[in-house]
C-alpha cells in the first residue's frame, strides 16, 4: 500500500506516533522519525522498523523551533532526497508527568508553541519540499472534540491548539492543491499514557459514551493514517477523519 514511499512521522518515540511509524513500515514505506526528548523510545521504534526490513532515520527535532525544522529538511534531503508523506503527529503533553503540573498559562503557551505553531512551521516546510519534488501528502493531527467542545481547562486549551490545526490544514489544502494533499486525523479517547493512567470510573464512562464500546488504540489511528497516506486516498484533501468509535459524529 505504501511501497516505495518515504514517510516522515514527527513525535514517533511512543504512543500514536510510534504506532503510525510502525504501521507505515509494515505497509512497505521507508521511515524518517523525529523525537524531542525520548531518544530511547525513538531508537526502540527504529529498531523494530529495521527488523521489518525497512530503512529508517532517527532525527532529534523540536518542531516549535524554525532552525530545527530547517535542519530536519536538510537531513531528509540528504538521507532520502524526497518525502512522499509528512505526518505531523508531535504535540505537547499537558495531561501527564511534568506537563500536567504546569499552571494554565504555561500549558497554553506550550500547546500553542508546539502543537499549533510547530504544526504550521512543519507543514510549510513539507509543502515547500513537496512543491519542488512534484507532489506529496501531509497529514496533521487535530482532536475530535474541537467540533463540539468539551468542558474543562485542559480540553479548552487543546481545543484552541487543535482547532487551529484543523482550520489551518483546510486552508493549506486549498493553497497547495492539486499536487499536494492535506488531510486531518482527529483521534478521540485513545489508550495512550493519559488513557492508561486514567481513573477507572472515567475509563468506564468513556466506554459507555462510545457507540463502539471501547477506548481506541494507537493502532486504530495508525490504520487511518496509512489510508490517508496511500494512493487509495488520492481524491481526498481537506478532509477530517475522526478516529473515536463514534463519540463525536
C-alpha atoms as a PDB file:
ATOM      1  CA  UNK A   1       0.000   0.000   0.000  1.00  0.00           C
ATOM      2  CA  UNK A   2       2.941   2.343   0.709  1.00  0.00           C
ATOM      3  CA  UNK A   3       5.590   0.506  -1.298  1.00  0.00           C
ATOM      4  CA  UNK A   4       8.498   2.709  -2.408  1.00  0.00           C
ATOM      5  CA  UNK A   5       7.215   5.699  -0.408  1.00  0.00           C
ATOM      6  CA  UNK A   6       9.178   7.681   2.188  1.00  0.00           C
ATOM      7  CA  UNK A   7       7.128   8.676   5.233  1.00  0.00           C
ATOM      8  CA  UNK A   8       8.145  11.152   7.929  1.00  0.00           C
ATOM      9  CA  UNK A   9       6.409  10.865  11.314  1.00  0.00           C
ATOM     10  CA  UNK A  10       7.115  13.521  13.932  1.00  0.00           C
ATOM     11  CA  UNK A  11       6.934  12.563  17.597  1.00  0.00           C
ATOM     12  CA  UNK A  12       7.314   8.838  16.923  1.00  0.00           C
ATOM     13  CA  UNK A  13       9.080   7.747  20.110  1.00  0.00           C
ATOM     14  CA  UNK A  14       5.872   6.486  21.753  1.00  0.00           C
ATOM     15  CA  UNK A  15       2.092   6.304  21.562  1.00  0.00           C
ATOM     16  CA  UNK A  16       0.278   7.233  18.377  1.00  0.00           C
ATOM     17  CA  UNK A  17       3.409   8.396  16.545  1.00  0.00           C
ATOM     18  CA  UNK A  18       5.190   5.123  17.200  1.00  0.00           C
ATOM     19  CA  UNK A  19       2.146   3.150  16.012  1.00  0.00           C
ATOM     20  CA  UNK A  20       1.908   5.217  12.824  1.00  0.00           C
ATOM     21  CA  UNK A  21       5.587   4.769  12.015  1.00  0.00           C
ATOM     22  CA  UNK A  22       5.402   1.008  12.523  1.00  0.00           C
ATOM     23  CA  UNK A  23       2.179   0.613  10.558  1.00  0.00           C
ATOM     24  CA  UNK A  24       3.598   2.624   7.649  1.00  0.00           C
ATOM     25  CA  UNK A  25       6.723   0.465   7.669  1.00  0.00           C
ATOM     26  CA  UNK A  26       4.605  -2.699   7.624  1.00  0.00           C
ATOM     27  CA  UNK A  27       2.784  -1.216   4.616  1.00  0.00           C
ATOM     28  CA  UNK A  28       6.109  -1.003   2.757  1.00  0.00           C
ATOM     29  CA  UNK A  29       7.379   2.522   3.444  1.00  0.00           C
ATOM     30  CA  UNK A  30      10.816   3.679   4.485  1.00  0.00           C
ATOM     31  CA  UNK A  31      10.567   5.876   7.563  1.00  0.00           C
ATOM     32  CA  UNK A  32      12.062   9.046   8.989  1.00  0.00           C
ATOM     33  CA  UNK A  33      11.003   9.685  12.566  1.00  0.00           C
ATOM     34  CA  UNK A  34      11.603  12.504  14.983  1.00  0.00           C
ATOM     35  CA  UNK A  35      11.715  12.824  18.733  1.00  0.00           C
ATOM     36  CA  UNK A  36      12.419  15.680  21.119  1.00  0.00           C
ATOM     37  CA  UNK A  37      13.332  14.122  24.468  1.00  0.00           C
ATOM     38  CA  UNK A  38      12.703  10.379  24.400  1.00  0.00           C
ATOM     39  CA  UNK A  39      15.701   9.124  22.461  1.00  0.00           C
ATOM     40  CA  UNK A  40      15.437   5.611  23.885  1.00  0.00           C
ATOM     41  CA  UNK A  41      11.851   5.332  22.686  1.00  0.00           C
ATOM     42  CA  UNK A  42      12.756   6.637  19.248  1.00  0.00           C
ATOM     43  CA  UNK A  43      15.622   4.173  18.898  1.00  0.00           C
ATOM     44  CA  UNK A  44      13.352   1.330  20.009  1.00  0.00           C
ATOM     45  CA  UNK A  45      10.835   2.303  17.328  1.00  0.00           C
ATOM     46  CA  UNK A  46      13.620   2.464  14.766  1.00  0.00           C
ATOM     47  CA  UNK A  47      14.952  -0.955  15.739  1.00  0.00           C
ATOM     48  CA  UNK A  48      11.527  -2.513  15.199  1.00  0.00           C
ATOM     49  CA  UNK A  49      11.240  -0.831  11.813  1.00  0.00           C
ATOM     50  CA  UNK A  50      14.645  -2.169  10.789  1.00  0.00           C
ATOM     51  CA  UNK A  51      13.530  -5.652  11.830  1.00  0.00           C
ATOM     52  CA  UNK A  52      10.801  -5.334   9.195  1.00  0.00           C
ATOM     53  CA  UNK A  53      13.457  -4.788   6.544  1.00  0.00           C
ATOM     54  CA  UNK A  54      12.691  -1.105   6.077  1.00  0.00           C
ATOM     55  CA  UNK A  55      15.105   1.806   6.099  1.00  0.00           C
ATOM     56  CA  UNK A  56      14.751   4.307   8.946  1.00  0.00           C
ATOM     57  CA  UNK A  57      16.354   7.586  10.004  1.00  0.00           C
ATOM     58  CA  UNK A  58      16.039   8.965  13.559  1.00  0.00           C
ATOM     59  CA  UNK A  59      16.273  12.744  13.868  1.00  0.00           C
ATOM     60  CA  UNK A  60      16.083  14.800  17.049  1.00  0.00           C
ATOM     61  CA  UNK A  61      13.777  17.762  16.352  1.00  0.00           C
ATOM     62  CA  UNK A  62      11.925  20.376  18.364  1.00  0.00           C
ATOM     63  CA  UNK A  63       9.175  21.261  15.899  1.00  0.00           C
ATOM     64  CA  UNK A  64       8.489  24.585  17.623  1.00  0.00           C
ATOM     65  CA  UNK A  65      11.940  25.831  16.528  1.00  0.00           C
ATOM     66  CA  UNK A  66      12.307  27.032  12.947  1.00  0.00           C
ATOM     67  CA  UNK A  67      16.009  26.189  12.909  1.00  0.00           C
ATOM     68  CA  UNK A  68      15.208  22.602  13.909  1.00  0.00           C
ATOM     69  CA  UNK A  69      12.673  22.328  11.087  1.00  0.00           C
ATOM     70  CA  UNK A  70      15.232  23.702   8.609  1.00  0.00           C
ATOM     71  CA  UNK A  71      17.792  21.165   9.821  1.00  0.00           C
ATOM     72  CA  UNK A  72      15.219  18.377   9.566  1.00  0.00           C
ATOM     73  CA  UNK A  73      14.539  19.210   5.925  1.00  0.00           C
ATOM     74  CA  UNK A  74      18.251  19.126   5.121  1.00  0.00           C
ATOM     75  CA  UNK A  75      18.622  15.725   6.828  1.00  0.00           C
ATOM     76  CA  UNK A  76      15.677  14.378   4.874  1.00  0.00           C
ATOM     77  CA  UNK A  77      17.112  15.599   1.572  1.00  0.00           C
ATOM     78  CA  UNK A  78      20.467  14.001   2.354  1.00  0.00           C
ATOM     79  CA  UNK A  79      19.024  10.700   3.518  1.00  0.00           C
ATOM     80  CA  UNK A  80      16.134  10.164   1.101  1.00  0.00           C
ATOM     81  CA  UNK A  81      16.112  13.024  -1.464  1.00  0.00           C
ATOM     82  CA  UNK A  82      12.292  13.117  -1.253  1.00  0.00           C
ATOM     83  CA  UNK A  83       9.482  12.703   1.265  1.00  0.00           C
ATOM     84  CA  UNK A  84       6.204  11.372  -0.070  1.00  0.00           C
ATOM     85  CA  UNK A  85       4.189  11.675   3.148  1.00  0.00           C
ATOM     86  CA  UNK A  86       4.787  14.086   6.044  1.00  0.00           C
ATOM     87  CA  UNK A  87       2.781  13.279   9.194  1.00  0.00           C
ATOM     88  CA  UNK A  88       2.715  15.982  11.874  1.00  0.00           C
ATOM     89  CA  UNK A  89       1.988  13.973  14.996  1.00  0.00           C
ATOM     90  CA  UNK A  90       4.288  15.622  17.557  1.00  0.00           C
ATOM     91  CA  UNK A  91       2.491  17.524  20.300  1.00  0.00           C
ATOM     92  CA  UNK A  92       2.836  18.701  23.875  1.00  0.00           C
ATOM     93  CA  UNK A  93       1.661  16.595  26.823  1.00  0.00           C
ATOM     94  CA  UNK A  94      -0.193  18.780  29.326  1.00  0.00           C
ATOM     95  CA  UNK A  95      -2.066  15.893  30.921  1.00  0.00           C
ATOM     96  CA  UNK A  96       0.582  13.653  32.460  1.00  0.00           C
ATOM     97  CA  UNK A  97       4.008  13.950  34.067  1.00  0.00           C
ATOM     98  CA  UNK A  98       5.768  17.295  34.188  1.00  0.00           C
ATOM     99  CA  UNK A  99       3.355  18.870  31.706  1.00  0.00           C
ATOM    100  CA  UNK A 100       0.386  18.011  33.877  1.00  0.00           C
ATOM    101  CA  UNK A 101       1.871  20.030  36.749  1.00  0.00           C
ATOM    102  CA  UNK A 102       2.172  23.295  34.804  1.00  0.00           C
ATOM    103  CA  UNK A 103      -0.202  26.161  35.505  1.00  0.00           C
ATOM    104  CA  UNK A 104      -2.789  27.027  32.883  1.00  0.00           C
ATOM    105  CA  UNK A 105      -0.823  29.862  31.280  1.00  0.00           C
ATOM    106  CA  UNK A 106       2.241  27.633  30.944  1.00  0.00           C
ATOM    107  CA  UNK A 107       0.084  24.914  29.426  1.00  0.00           C
ATOM    108  CA  UNK A 108      -1.441  27.379  26.974  1.00  0.00           C
ATOM    109  CA  UNK A 109       1.965  28.622  25.872  1.00  0.00           C
ATOM    110  CA  UNK A 110       3.192  25.055  25.454  1.00  0.00           C
ATOM    111  CA  UNK A 111       0.328  23.715  23.321  1.00  0.00           C
ATOM    112  CA  UNK A 112       0.240  26.818  21.144  1.00  0.00           C
ATOM    113  CA  UNK A 113       4.011  26.725  20.654  1.00  0.00           C
ATOM    114  CA  UNK A 114       4.395  23.006  19.996  1.00  0.00           C
ATOM    115  CA  UNK A 115       1.069  21.783  18.638  1.00  0.00           C
ATOM    116  CA  UNK A 116      -0.173  24.795  16.673  1.00  0.00           C
ATOM    117  CA  UNK A 117       2.963  26.762  15.753  1.00  0.00           C
ATOM    118  CA  UNK A 118       5.006  23.595  15.340  1.00  0.00           C
ATOM    119  CA  UNK A 119       2.462  22.016  13.008  1.00  0.00           C
ATOM    120  CA  UNK A 120       2.267  25.187  10.930  1.00  0.00           C
ATOM    121  CA  UNK A 121       6.046  25.502  10.631  1.00  0.00           C
ATOM    122  CA  UNK A 122       6.407  21.839   9.718  1.00  0.00           C
ATOM    123  CA  UNK A 123       3.527  21.994   7.227  1.00  0.00           C
ATOM    124  CA  UNK A 124       5.107  24.967   5.481  1.00  0.00           C
ATOM    125  CA  UNK A 125       8.397  23.087   5.271  1.00  0.00           C
ATOM    126  CA  UNK A 126       6.682  19.970   3.955  1.00  0.00           C
ATOM    127  CA  UNK A 127       4.770  21.945   1.331  1.00  0.00           C
ATOM    128  CA  UNK A 128       7.923  23.734   0.140  1.00  0.00           C
ATOM    129  CA  UNK A 129       9.757  20.419  -0.153  1.00  0.00           C
ATOM    130  CA  UNK A 130       6.897  18.699  -1.953  1.00  0.00           C
ATOM    131  CA  UNK A 131       6.381  21.518  -4.449  1.00  0.00           C
ATOM    132  CA  UNK A 132       9.975  21.080  -5.608  1.00  0.00           C
ATOM    133  CA  UNK A 133       9.747  17.300  -5.836  1.00  0.00           C
ATOM    134  CA  UNK A 134       6.379  17.357  -7.628  1.00  0.00           C
ATOM    135  CA  UNK A 135       3.820  16.351  -5.010  1.00  0.00           C
ATOM    136  CA  UNK A 136       3.106  14.527  -1.789  1.00  0.00           C
ATOM    137  CA  UNK A 137       0.702  14.238   1.124  1.00  0.00           C
ATOM    138  CA  UNK A 138       0.578  15.990   4.501  1.00  0.00           C
ATOM    139  CA  UNK A 139      -1.390  14.644   7.471  1.00  0.00           C
ATOM    140  CA  UNK A 140      -1.959  16.833  10.521  1.00  0.00           C
ATOM    141  CA  UNK A 141      -3.245  15.782  13.925  1.00  0.00           C
ATOM    142  CA  UNK A 142      -6.255  17.530  15.459  1.00  0.00           C
ATOM    143  CA  UNK A 143      -8.806  16.291  18.025  1.00  0.00           C
ATOM    144  CA  UNK A 144     -12.370  15.079  17.542  1.00  0.00           C
ATOM    145  CA  UNK A 145     -13.869  17.337  20.245  1.00  0.00           C
ATOM    146  CA  UNK A 146     -12.867  20.567  18.513  1.00  0.00           C
ATOM    147  CA  UNK A 147     -16.097  20.116  16.559  1.00  0.00           C
ATOM    148  CA  UNK A 148     -18.372  20.051  19.619  1.00  0.00           C
ATOM    149  CA  UNK A 149     -16.343  21.308  22.592  1.00  0.00           C
ATOM    150  CA  UNK A 150     -15.673  19.763  25.988  1.00  0.00           C
ATOM    151  CA  UNK A 151     -15.813  21.419  29.374  1.00  0.00           C
ATOM    152  CA  UNK A 152     -12.679  21.734  31.477  1.00  0.00           C
ATOM    153  CA  UNK A 153      -9.452  23.694  31.464  1.00  0.00           C
ATOM    154  CA  UNK A 154      -7.293  21.182  29.603  1.00  0.00           C
ATOM    155  CA  UNK A 155      -9.924  20.441  26.931  1.00  0.00           C
ATOM    156  CA  UNK A 156     -10.277  24.177  26.363  1.00  0.00           C
ATOM    157  CA  UNK A 157      -6.548  24.523  25.829  1.00  0.00           C
ATOM    158  CA  UNK A 158      -6.443  21.586  23.455  1.00  0.00           C
ATOM    159  CA  UNK A 159      -9.414  22.990  21.571  1.00  0.00           C
ATOM    160  CA  UNK A 160      -7.538  26.239  20.964  1.00  0.00           C
ATOM    161  CA  UNK A 161      -4.494  24.449  19.542  1.00  0.00           C
ATOM    162  CA  UNK A 162      -6.082  21.508  17.769  1.00  0.00           C
ATOM    163  CA  UNK A 163      -8.940  23.596  16.391  1.00  0.00           C
ATOM    164  CA  UNK A 164      -6.347  25.925  14.928  1.00  0.00           C
ATOM    165  CA  UNK A 165      -4.587  22.968  13.336  1.00  0.00           C
ATOM    166  CA  UNK A 166      -7.809  21.753  11.762  1.00  0.00           C
ATOM    167  CA  UNK A 167      -8.692  25.162  10.328  1.00  0.00           C
ATOM    168  CA  UNK A 168      -5.154  25.858   9.131  1.00  0.00           C
ATOM    169  CA  UNK A 169      -4.962  22.461   7.432  1.00  0.00           C
ATOM    170  CA  UNK A 170      -8.116  23.101   5.407  1.00  0.00           C
ATOM    171  CA  UNK A 171      -6.748  26.416   4.183  1.00  0.00           C
ATOM    172  CA  UNK A 172      -3.396  24.816   3.402  1.00  0.00           C
ATOM    173  CA  UNK A 173      -5.162  22.084   1.420  1.00  0.00           C
ATOM    174  CA  UNK A 174      -6.590  24.747  -0.885  1.00  0.00           C
ATOM    175  CA  UNK A 175      -3.256  26.534  -1.201  1.00  0.00           C
ATOM    176  CA  UNK A 176      -1.189  23.517  -2.227  1.00  0.00           C
ATOM    177  CA  UNK A 177      -3.678  21.612  -4.395  1.00  0.00           C
ATOM    178  CA  UNK A 178      -3.672  19.873  -6.793  1.00  0.00           C
ATOM    179  CA  UNK A 179      -0.193  18.396  -6.387  1.00  0.00           C
ATOM    180  CA  UNK A 180      -0.170  18.096  -2.594  1.00  0.00           C
ATOM    181  CA  UNK A 181      -2.948  16.612  -0.481  1.00  0.00           C
ATOM    182  CA  UNK A 182      -3.529  17.788   3.113  1.00  0.00           C
ATOM    183  CA  UNK A 183      -5.803  15.851   5.456  1.00  0.00           C
ATOM    184  CA  UNK A 184      -6.548  15.765   9.158  1.00  0.00           C
ATOM    185  CA  UNK A 185      -6.724  12.958  11.702  1.00  0.00           C
ATOM    186  CA  UNK A 186      -8.841  13.688  14.774  1.00  0.00           C
ATOM    187  CA  UNK A 187      -8.377  10.997  17.435  1.00  0.00           C
ATOM    188  CA  UNK A 188     -10.770  10.698  20.349  1.00  0.00           C
ATOM    189  CA  UNK A 189     -10.188   8.739  23.554  1.00  0.00           C
ATOM    190  CA  UNK A 190      -7.093   6.677  22.766  1.00  0.00           C
ATOM    191  CA  UNK A 191      -5.131   4.311  25.026  1.00  0.00           C
ATOM    192  CA  UNK A 192      -2.013   6.455  25.332  1.00  0.00           C
ATOM    193  CA  UNK A 193      -0.310   7.372  28.630  1.00  0.00           C
ATOM    194  CA  UNK A 194      -3.292   9.521  29.629  1.00  0.00           C
ATOM    195  CA  UNK A 195      -5.829   6.785  28.944  1.00  0.00           C
ATOM    196  CA  UNK A 196      -3.798   4.081  30.616  1.00  0.00           C
ATOM    197  CA  UNK A 197      -3.443   6.152  33.799  1.00  0.00           C
ATOM    198  CA  UNK A 198      -6.989   7.491  33.917  1.00  0.00           C
ATOM    199  CA  UNK A 199      -9.343   6.865  36.844  1.00  0.00           C
ATOM    200  CA  UNK A 200     -11.269   3.587  36.360  1.00  0.00           C
ATOM    201  CA  UNK A 201     -14.623   5.371  36.693  1.00  0.00           C
ATOM    202  CA  UNK A 202     -13.652   7.810  33.949  1.00  0.00           C
ATOM    203  CA  UNK A 203     -12.453   4.943  31.769  1.00  0.00           C
ATOM    204  CA  UNK A 204     -15.803   3.221  32.166  1.00  0.00           C
ATOM    205  CA  UNK A 205     -17.671   6.459  31.424  1.00  0.00           C
ATOM    206  CA  UNK A 206     -15.769   6.763  28.135  1.00  0.00           C
ATOM    207  CA  UNK A 207     -16.689   3.197  27.199  1.00  0.00           C
ATOM    208  CA  UNK A 208     -20.361   3.907  27.912  1.00  0.00           C
ATOM    209  CA  UNK A 209     -20.236   7.089  25.813  1.00  0.00           C
ATOM    210  CA  UNK A 210     -18.622   5.307  22.862  1.00  0.00           C
ATOM    211  CA  UNK A 211     -21.002   3.615  20.406  1.00  0.00           C
ATOM    212  CA  UNK A 212     -18.327   1.036  19.564  1.00  0.00           C
ATOM    213  CA  UNK A 213     -17.939   0.270  23.255  1.00  0.00           C
ATOM    214  CA  UNK A 214     -14.218   0.663  23.914  1.00  0.00           C
ATOM    215  CA  UNK A 215     -11.281   3.037  24.049  1.00  0.00           C
ATOM    216  CA  UNK A 216      -9.349   3.412  20.832  1.00  0.00           C
ATOM    217  CA  UNK A 217      -5.806   2.188  20.404  1.00  0.00           C
ATOM    218  CA  UNK A 218      -2.830   3.912  18.784  1.00  0.00           C
ATOM    219  CA  UNK A 219      -3.033   1.312  16.041  1.00  0.00           C
ATOM    220  CA  UNK A 220      -6.607   2.394  15.245  1.00  0.00           C
ATOM    221  CA  UNK A 221      -5.242   5.851  14.486  1.00  0.00           C
ATOM    222  CA  UNK A 222      -2.302   4.392  12.603  1.00  0.00           C
ATOM    223  CA  UNK A 223      -4.594   2.432  10.288  1.00  0.00           C
ATOM    224  CA  UNK A 224      -6.377   5.637   9.297  1.00  0.00           C
ATOM    225  CA  UNK A 225      -3.031   7.364   8.777  1.00  0.00           C
ATOM    226  CA  UNK A 226      -1.874   4.638   6.384  1.00  0.00           C
ATOM    227  CA  UNK A 227      -5.077   5.020   4.384  1.00  0.00           C
ATOM    228  CA  UNK A 228      -4.667   8.799   4.075  1.00  0.00           C
ATOM    229  CA  UNK A 229      -1.001   8.335   3.153  1.00  0.00           C
ATOM    230  CA  UNK A 230      -1.783   5.833   0.426  1.00  0.00           C
ATOM    231  CA  UNK A 231      -2.914   6.231  -3.162  1.00  0.00           C
ATOM    232  CA  UNK A 232      -6.295   4.842  -2.078  1.00  0.00           C
ATOM    233  CA  UNK A 233      -6.942   8.353  -0.706  1.00  0.00           C
ATOM    234  CA  UNK A 234      -5.829  10.082  -3.916  1.00  0.00           C
ATOM    235  CA  UNK A 235      -9.104  12.051  -4.213  1.00  0.00           C
ATOM    236  CA  UNK A 236      -9.212  13.192  -0.579  1.00  0.00           C
ATOM    237  CA  UNK A 237      -7.911  16.558   0.560  1.00  0.00           C
ATOM    238  CA  UNK A 238      -9.003  18.982   3.257  1.00  0.00           C
ATOM    239  CA  UNK A 239     -10.878  16.169   4.996  1.00  0.00           C
ATOM    240  CA  UNK A 240     -11.023  15.143   8.653  1.00  0.00           C
ATOM    241  CA  UNK A 241     -11.219  11.532   9.798  1.00  0.00           C
ATOM    242  CA  UNK A 242     -12.327  11.214  13.416  1.00  0.00           C
ATOM    243  CA  UNK A 243     -10.917   8.024  14.938  1.00  0.00           C
ATOM    244  CA  UNK A 244     -13.113   7.876  18.016  1.00  0.00           C
ATOM    245  CA  UNK A 245     -15.554   4.976  17.963  1.00  0.00           C
ATOM    246  CA  UNK A 246     -18.427   7.358  17.277  1.00  0.00           C
ATOM    247  CA  UNK A 247     -18.227   9.570  20.373  1.00  0.00           C
ATOM    248  CA  UNK A 248     -18.321  12.628  18.104  1.00  0.00           C
ATOM    249  CA  UNK A 249     -20.132  12.219  14.792  1.00  0.00           C
END
